[in-house]
Amino acid sequence: MGGFQVRPEELTAAGQCAAAIAARLPGQTERLTPVGATAATRLSGWRTAAALRACGDSWRSLLATLAGELETQGQRLSTTGQQYRDGEASALDAFGVPSAPSGQRQATDPFRTGPRPVGR
């Protein structure tokens, strides 16, 4: 028998992971800026200096776009997970079946992007 199964908590977790990565990208991108600028300055007078600056600018632009896209898709995944939970609760309510208390099923962090315990 074919088909698929949706686990709303995994959609939510994936959305949270995407948002966490999106939040980290701008800071990481800014760490690259001085390195590229220093290298380009040291190559002053060489054609590669201009190319290095252009390459750095392109990477910053692409990473900013990636961060925005990850944030958007993360929000969509989380929203979809919530919509599945709401639909399930509505169906259970329609049949008179009590639904599980909110928050009973915890979202996992499959990509380990969340806070890390101290000492790890």
N, C-alpha and C. Protein backbone atom coordinates (compact mmCIF):
# COMPACT_ATOMS: atom_id res chain seq x y z
N MET A 1 0.85 -1.18 0.00
CA MET A 1 0.00 0.00 0.00
C MET A 1 0.89 1.24 0.00
N GLY A 2 0.68 2.12 -0.94
CA GLY A 2 1.48 3.34 -1.05
C GLY A 2 0.92 4.45 -0.19
N GLY A 3 1.64 5.53 -0.15
CA GLY A 3 1.18 6.67 0.61
C GLY A 3 2.32 7.35 1.33
N PHE A 4 1.97 8.27 2.18
CA PHE A 4 2.98 8.98 2.95
C PHE A 4 2.41 9.33 4.30
N GLN A 5 3.30 9.66 5.17
CA GLN A 5 2.91 10.04 6.52
C GLN A 5 3.55 11.39 6.84
N VAL A 6 2.80 12.25 7.47
CA VAL A 6 3.31 13.56 7.86
C VAL A 6 3.46 13.58 9.37
N ARG A 7 4.62 14.03 9.80
CA ARG A 7 4.85 14.21 11.23
C ARG A 7 5.00 15.71 11.48
N PRO A 8 3.92 16.34 11.94
CA PRO A 8 3.94 17.79 12.12
C PRO A 8 5.10 18.30 12.97
N GLU A 9 5.47 17.52 14.00
CA GLU A 9 6.57 17.97 14.85
C GLU A 9 7.88 18.01 14.08
N GLU A 10 8.04 17.15 13.08
CA GLU A 10 9.26 17.18 12.27
C GLU A 10 9.24 18.36 11.30
N LEU A 11 8.07 18.72 10.80
CA LEU A 11 7.97 19.92 9.97
C LEU A 11 8.34 21.16 10.79
N THR A 12 7.80 21.21 11.99
CA THR A 12 8.11 22.35 12.87
C THR A 12 9.60 22.38 13.20
N ALA A 13 10.17 21.21 13.51
CA ALA A 13 11.59 21.16 13.84
C ALA A 13 12.45 21.58 12.65
N ALA A 14 12.10 21.13 11.47
CA ALA A 14 12.86 21.52 10.27
C ALA A 14 12.74 23.02 10.04
N GLY A 15 11.55 23.57 10.27
CA GLY A 15 11.36 25.01 10.14
C GLY A 15 12.19 25.79 11.14
N GLN A 16 12.26 25.29 12.36
CA GLN A 16 13.07 25.95 13.38
C GLN A 16 14.56 25.86 13.05
N CYS A 17 14.98 24.72 12.51
CA CYS A 17 16.38 24.57 12.10
C CYS A 17 16.73 25.55 10.98
N ALA A 18 15.85 25.64 10.00
CA ALA A 18 16.09 26.57 8.89
C ALA A 18 16.17 28.01 9.40
N ALA A 19 15.28 28.37 10.31
CA ALA A 19 15.31 29.72 10.87
C ALA A 19 16.58 29.96 11.68
N ALA A 20 17.04 28.94 12.41
CA ALA A 20 18.27 29.08 13.21
C ALA A 20 19.48 29.29 12.30
N ILE A 21 19.53 28.54 11.21
CA ILE A 21 20.64 28.71 10.26
C ILE A 21 20.57 30.09 9.61
N ALA A 22 19.36 30.50 9.25
CA ALA A 22 19.18 31.82 8.64
C ALA A 22 19.65 32.93 9.58
N ALA A 23 19.39 32.75 10.86
CA ALA A 23 19.80 33.77 11.85
C ALA A 23 21.32 33.83 12.00
N ARG A 24 21.99 32.70 11.78
CA ARG A 24 23.46 32.66 11.94
C ARG A 24 24.20 33.22 10.72
N LEU A 25 23.61 33.13 9.57
CA LEU A 25 24.32 33.51 8.34
C LEU A 25 24.82 34.96 8.31
N PRO A 26 24.02 35.94 8.68
CA PRO A 26 24.53 37.31 8.61
C PRO A 26 25.79 37.54 9.45
N GLY A 27 25.82 36.99 10.64
CA GLY A 27 27.01 37.14 11.49
C GLY A 27 28.23 36.47 10.90
N GLN A 28 28.01 35.29 10.35
CA GLN A 28 29.12 34.57 9.73
C GLN A 28 29.60 35.30 8.48
N THR A 29 28.68 35.85 7.74
CA THR A 29 29.03 36.60 6.53
C THR A 29 29.87 37.82 6.89
N GLU A 30 29.49 38.51 7.95
CA GLU A 30 30.23 39.70 8.36
C GLU A 30 31.64 39.37 8.82
N ARG A 31 31.85 38.16 9.29
CA ARG A 31 33.21 37.76 9.69
C ARG A 31 34.12 37.63 8.47
N LEU A 32 33.54 37.38 7.31
CA LEU A 32 34.34 37.24 6.08
C LEU A 32 34.75 38.58 5.50
N THR A 33 33.98 39.62 5.75
CA THR A 33 34.23 40.92 5.14
C THR A 33 35.63 41.45 5.42
N PRO A 34 36.08 41.52 6.66
CA PRO A 34 37.42 42.07 6.90
C PRO A 34 38.53 41.20 6.31
N VAL A 35 38.32 39.91 6.28
CA VAL A 35 39.35 39.01 5.73
C VAL A 35 39.54 39.29 4.25
N GLY A 36 38.43 39.40 3.52
CA GLY A 36 38.50 39.70 2.08
C GLY A 36 39.08 41.07 1.82
N ALA A 37 38.69 42.03 2.63
CA ALA A 37 39.20 43.40 2.44
C ALA A 37 40.70 43.46 2.70
N THR A 38 41.17 42.77 3.73
CA THR A 38 42.60 42.74 4.03
C THR A 38 43.38 42.09 2.89
N ALA A 39 42.87 40.98 2.39
CA ALA A 39 43.54 40.30 1.29
C ALA A 39 43.58 41.17 0.04
N ALA A 40 42.47 41.83 -0.25
CA ALA A 40 42.41 42.70 -1.44
C ALA A 40 43.37 43.88 -1.29
N THR A 41 43.49 44.43 -0.09
CA THR A 41 44.40 45.55 0.15
C THR A 41 45.85 45.11 -0.06
N ARG A 42 46.15 43.92 0.40
CA ARG A 42 47.52 43.42 0.24
C ARG A 42 47.86 43.10 -1.21
N LEU A 43 46.83 42.92 -2.01
CA LEU A 43 47.04 42.66 -3.44
C LEU A 43 46.88 43.92 -4.28
N SER A 44 46.92 45.06 -3.61
CA SER A 44 46.74 46.34 -4.30
C SER A 44 47.68 46.43 -5.51
N GLY A 45 47.11 46.85 -6.62
CA GLY A 45 47.87 46.95 -7.86
C GLY A 45 47.78 45.71 -8.73
N TRP A 46 47.30 44.65 -8.19
CA TRP A 46 47.13 43.41 -8.95
C TRP A 46 45.68 43.33 -9.43
N ARG A 47 45.47 42.74 -10.58
CA ARG A 47 44.10 42.57 -11.10
C ARG A 47 43.28 41.67 -10.18
N THR A 48 43.95 40.79 -9.49
CA THR A 48 43.23 39.87 -8.60
C THR A 48 42.58 40.60 -7.42
N ALA A 49 43.09 41.78 -7.05
CA ALA A 49 42.51 42.53 -5.94
C ALA A 49 41.06 42.91 -6.26
N ALA A 50 40.84 43.45 -7.45
CA ALA A 50 39.48 43.84 -7.85
C ALA A 50 38.58 42.60 -7.95
N ALA A 51 39.15 41.51 -8.48
CA ALA A 51 38.36 40.28 -8.60
C ALA A 51 38.00 39.73 -7.23
N LEU A 52 38.93 39.83 -6.29
CA LEU A 52 38.67 39.35 -4.93
C LEU A 52 37.57 40.17 -4.27
N ARG A 53 37.62 41.49 -4.46
CA ARG A 53 36.55 42.34 -3.90
C ARG A 53 35.20 41.98 -4.51
N ALA A 54 35.18 41.81 -5.83
CA ALA A 54 33.93 41.46 -6.51
C ALA A 54 33.41 40.10 -6.04
N CYS A 55 34.32 39.17 -5.86
CA CYS A 55 33.94 37.84 -5.39
C CYS A 55 33.33 37.93 -3.98
N GLY A 56 33.97 38.68 -3.11
CA GLY A 56 33.47 38.87 -1.75
C GLY A 56 32.09 39.52 -1.75
N ASP A 57 31.91 40.54 -2.58
CA ASP A 57 30.61 41.21 -2.68
C ASP A 57 29.53 40.23 -3.15
N SER A 58 29.89 39.41 -4.13
CA SER A 58 28.93 38.43 -4.66
C SER A 58 28.55 37.42 -3.59
N TRP A 59 29.53 36.93 -2.84
CA TRP A 59 29.25 35.96 -1.78
C TRP A 59 28.35 36.57 -0.71
N ARG A 60 28.64 37.81 -0.31
CA ARG A 60 27.80 38.46 0.71
C ARG A 60 26.36 38.59 0.21
N SER A 61 26.20 38.96 -1.04
CA SER A 61 24.85 39.10 -1.61
C SER A 61 24.14 37.75 -1.66
N LEU A 62 24.84 36.73 -2.12
CA LEU A 62 24.23 35.40 -2.19
C LEU A 62 23.87 34.85 -0.82
N LEU A 63 24.74 35.06 0.15
CA LEU A 63 24.46 34.56 1.50
C LEU A 63 23.30 35.31 2.14
N ALA A 64 23.18 36.61 1.84
CA ALA A 64 22.03 37.38 2.35
C ALA A 64 20.73 36.85 1.73
N THR A 65 20.77 36.54 0.45
CA THR A 65 19.60 35.97 -0.23
C THR A 65 19.27 34.60 0.36
N LEU A 66 20.30 33.79 0.58
CA LEU A 66 20.10 32.47 1.17
C LEU A 66 19.48 32.58 2.56
N ALA A 67 19.97 33.50 3.37
CA ALA A 67 19.42 33.68 4.72
C ALA A 67 17.94 34.04 4.66
N GLY A 68 17.59 34.94 3.75
CA GLY A 68 16.18 35.32 3.60
C GLY A 68 15.32 34.16 3.15
N GLU A 69 15.83 33.39 2.21
CA GLU A 69 15.08 32.23 1.71
C GLU A 69 14.92 31.16 2.79
N LEU A 70 15.97 30.91 3.55
CA LEU A 70 15.88 29.94 4.64
C LEU A 70 14.86 30.39 5.69
N GLU A 71 14.86 31.68 5.99
CA GLU A 71 13.90 32.21 6.97
C GLU A 71 12.47 32.02 6.46
N THR A 72 12.24 32.36 5.20
CA THR A 72 10.90 32.22 4.62
C THR A 72 10.46 30.77 4.60
N GLN A 73 11.33 29.88 4.12
CA GLN A 73 10.96 28.46 4.05
C GLN A 73 10.80 27.87 5.45
N GLY A 74 11.62 28.31 6.38
CA GLY A 74 11.48 27.84 7.76
C GLY A 74 10.13 28.22 8.34
N GLN A 75 9.71 29.46 8.09
CA GLN A 75 8.40 29.90 8.56
C GLN A 75 7.29 29.08 7.92
N ARG A 76 7.45 28.80 6.63
CA ARG A 76 6.43 28.01 5.93
C ARG A 76 6.35 26.59 6.47
N LEU A 77 7.49 25.98 6.73
CA LEU A 77 7.49 24.63 7.30
C LEU A 77 6.82 24.61 8.67
N SER A 78 7.16 25.58 9.51
CA SER A 78 6.55 25.65 10.84
C SER A 78 5.05 25.88 10.75
N THR A 79 4.63 26.76 9.84
CA THR A 79 3.21 27.03 9.65
C THR A 79 2.49 25.78 9.15
N THR A 80 3.11 25.06 8.23
CA THR A 80 2.51 23.83 7.72
C THR A 80 2.35 22.80 8.83
N GLY A 81 3.37 22.66 9.67
CA GLY A 81 3.27 21.75 10.81
C GLY A 81 2.11 22.11 11.71
N GLN A 82 1.96 23.41 11.99
CA GLN A 82 0.86 23.86 12.84
C GLN A 82 -0.49 23.60 12.17
N GLN A 83 -0.55 23.80 10.86
CA GLN A 83 -1.81 23.55 10.15
C GLN A 83 -2.19 22.07 10.20
N TYR A 84 -1.21 21.19 10.10
CA TYR A 84 -1.50 19.76 10.25
C TYR A 84 -2.02 19.46 11.65
N ARG A 85 -1.37 20.04 12.67
CA ARG A 85 -1.84 19.81 14.04
C ARG A 85 -3.25 20.34 14.24
N ASP A 86 -3.50 21.54 13.70
CA ASP A 86 -4.85 22.12 13.83
C ASP A 86 -5.89 21.27 13.11
N GLY A 87 -5.53 20.76 11.93
CA GLY A 87 -6.46 19.91 11.18
C GLY A 87 -6.75 18.62 11.91
N GLU A 88 -5.71 18.05 12.49
CA GLU A 88 -5.89 16.82 13.26
C GLU A 88 -6.79 17.06 14.48
N ALA A 89 -6.54 18.17 15.17
CA ALA A 89 -7.36 18.50 16.35
C ALA A 89 -8.80 18.74 15.94
N SER A 90 -9.00 19.40 14.80
CA SER A 90 -10.35 19.67 14.32
C SER A 90 -11.07 18.37 13.96
N ALA A 91 -10.35 17.45 13.31
CA ALA A 91 -10.95 16.16 12.95
C ALA A 91 -11.30 15.36 14.20
N LEU A 92 -10.40 15.35 15.17
CA LEU A 92 -10.67 14.63 16.42
C LEU A 92 -11.88 15.23 17.14
N ASP A 93 -11.95 16.56 17.13
CA ASP A 93 -13.06 17.25 17.77
C ASP A 93 -14.38 16.92 17.07
N ALA A 94 -14.34 16.84 15.74
CA ALA A 94 -15.55 16.53 14.98
C ALA A 94 -16.09 15.15 15.33
N PHE A 95 -15.19 14.23 15.68
CA PHE A 95 -15.60 12.88 16.04
C PHE A 95 -15.78 12.71 17.55
N GLY A 96 -15.60 13.79 18.29
CA GLY A 96 -15.78 13.73 19.73
C GLY A 96 -14.66 13.05 20.47
N VAL A 97 -13.51 12.99 19.86
CA VAL A 97 -12.35 12.36 20.49
C VAL A 97 -11.48 13.47 21.11
N PRO A 98 -11.16 13.35 22.39
CA PRO A 98 -10.31 14.39 22.98
C PRO A 98 -8.92 14.35 22.37
N SER A 99 -8.41 15.52 22.06
CA SER A 99 -7.06 15.59 21.47
C SER A 99 -6.02 15.66 22.57
N ALA A 100 -4.77 15.33 22.21
CA ALA A 100 -3.67 15.39 23.17
C ALA A 100 -3.43 16.84 23.57
N PRO A 101 -3.04 17.07 24.81
CA PRO A 101 -2.74 18.44 25.25
C PRO A 101 -1.66 19.06 24.38
N SER A 102 -1.80 20.34 24.15
CA SER A 102 -0.83 21.07 23.33
C SER A 102 0.56 20.95 23.94
N GLY A 103 1.54 20.69 23.08
CA GLY A 103 2.92 20.61 23.54
C GLY A 103 3.31 19.24 24.04
N GLN A 104 2.37 18.28 23.98
CA GLN A 104 2.69 16.94 24.48
C GLN A 104 3.77 16.29 23.62
N ARG A 105 3.73 16.51 22.31
CA ARG A 105 4.75 15.97 21.42
C ARG A 105 5.74 17.08 21.13
N GLN A 106 6.94 16.89 21.57
CA GLN A 106 7.97 17.90 21.40
C GLN A 106 8.60 17.81 20.02
N ALA A 107 8.88 18.95 19.44
CA ALA A 107 9.60 18.99 18.16
C ALA A 107 11.05 18.59 18.41
N THR A 108 11.58 17.82 17.50
CA THR A 108 12.97 17.41 17.62
C THR A 108 13.85 18.38 16.85
N ASP A 109 15.13 18.22 16.98
CA ASP A 109 16.10 19.07 16.28
C ASP A 109 16.99 18.14 15.46
N PRO A 110 16.48 17.66 14.29
CA PRO A 110 17.21 16.64 13.55
C PRO A 110 18.57 17.09 13.02
N PHE A 111 18.76 18.38 12.86
CA PHE A 111 20.02 18.87 12.32
C PHE A 111 20.93 19.46 13.39
N ARG A 112 20.49 19.34 14.66
CA ARG A 112 21.26 19.80 15.82
C ARG A 112 21.71 21.25 15.68
N THR A 113 20.76 22.13 15.37
CA THR A 113 21.09 23.55 15.22
C THR A 113 20.71 24.36 16.45
N GLY A 114 20.04 23.72 17.40
CA GLY A 114 19.60 24.44 18.59
C GLY A 114 20.73 24.68 19.57
N PRO A 115 20.39 25.25 20.71
CA PRO A 115 21.41 25.51 21.74
C PRO A 115 22.09 24.21 22.17
N ARG A 116 23.36 24.31 22.40
CA ARG A 116 24.13 23.14 22.82
C ARG A 116 24.37 23.23 24.31
N PRO A 117 24.33 22.07 25.00
CA PRO A 117 24.61 22.08 26.44
C PRO A 117 26.03 22.55 26.71
N VAL A 118 26.21 23.17 27.84
CA VAL A 118 27.53 23.65 28.23
C VAL A 118 28.48 22.46 28.33
N GLY A 119 29.69 22.62 27.82
CA GLY A 119 30.69 21.57 27.90
C GLY A 119 30.74 20.68 26.68
N ARG A 120 29.94 20.98 25.65
CA ARG A 120 29.96 20.15 24.44
C ARG A 120 30.54 20.91 23.30
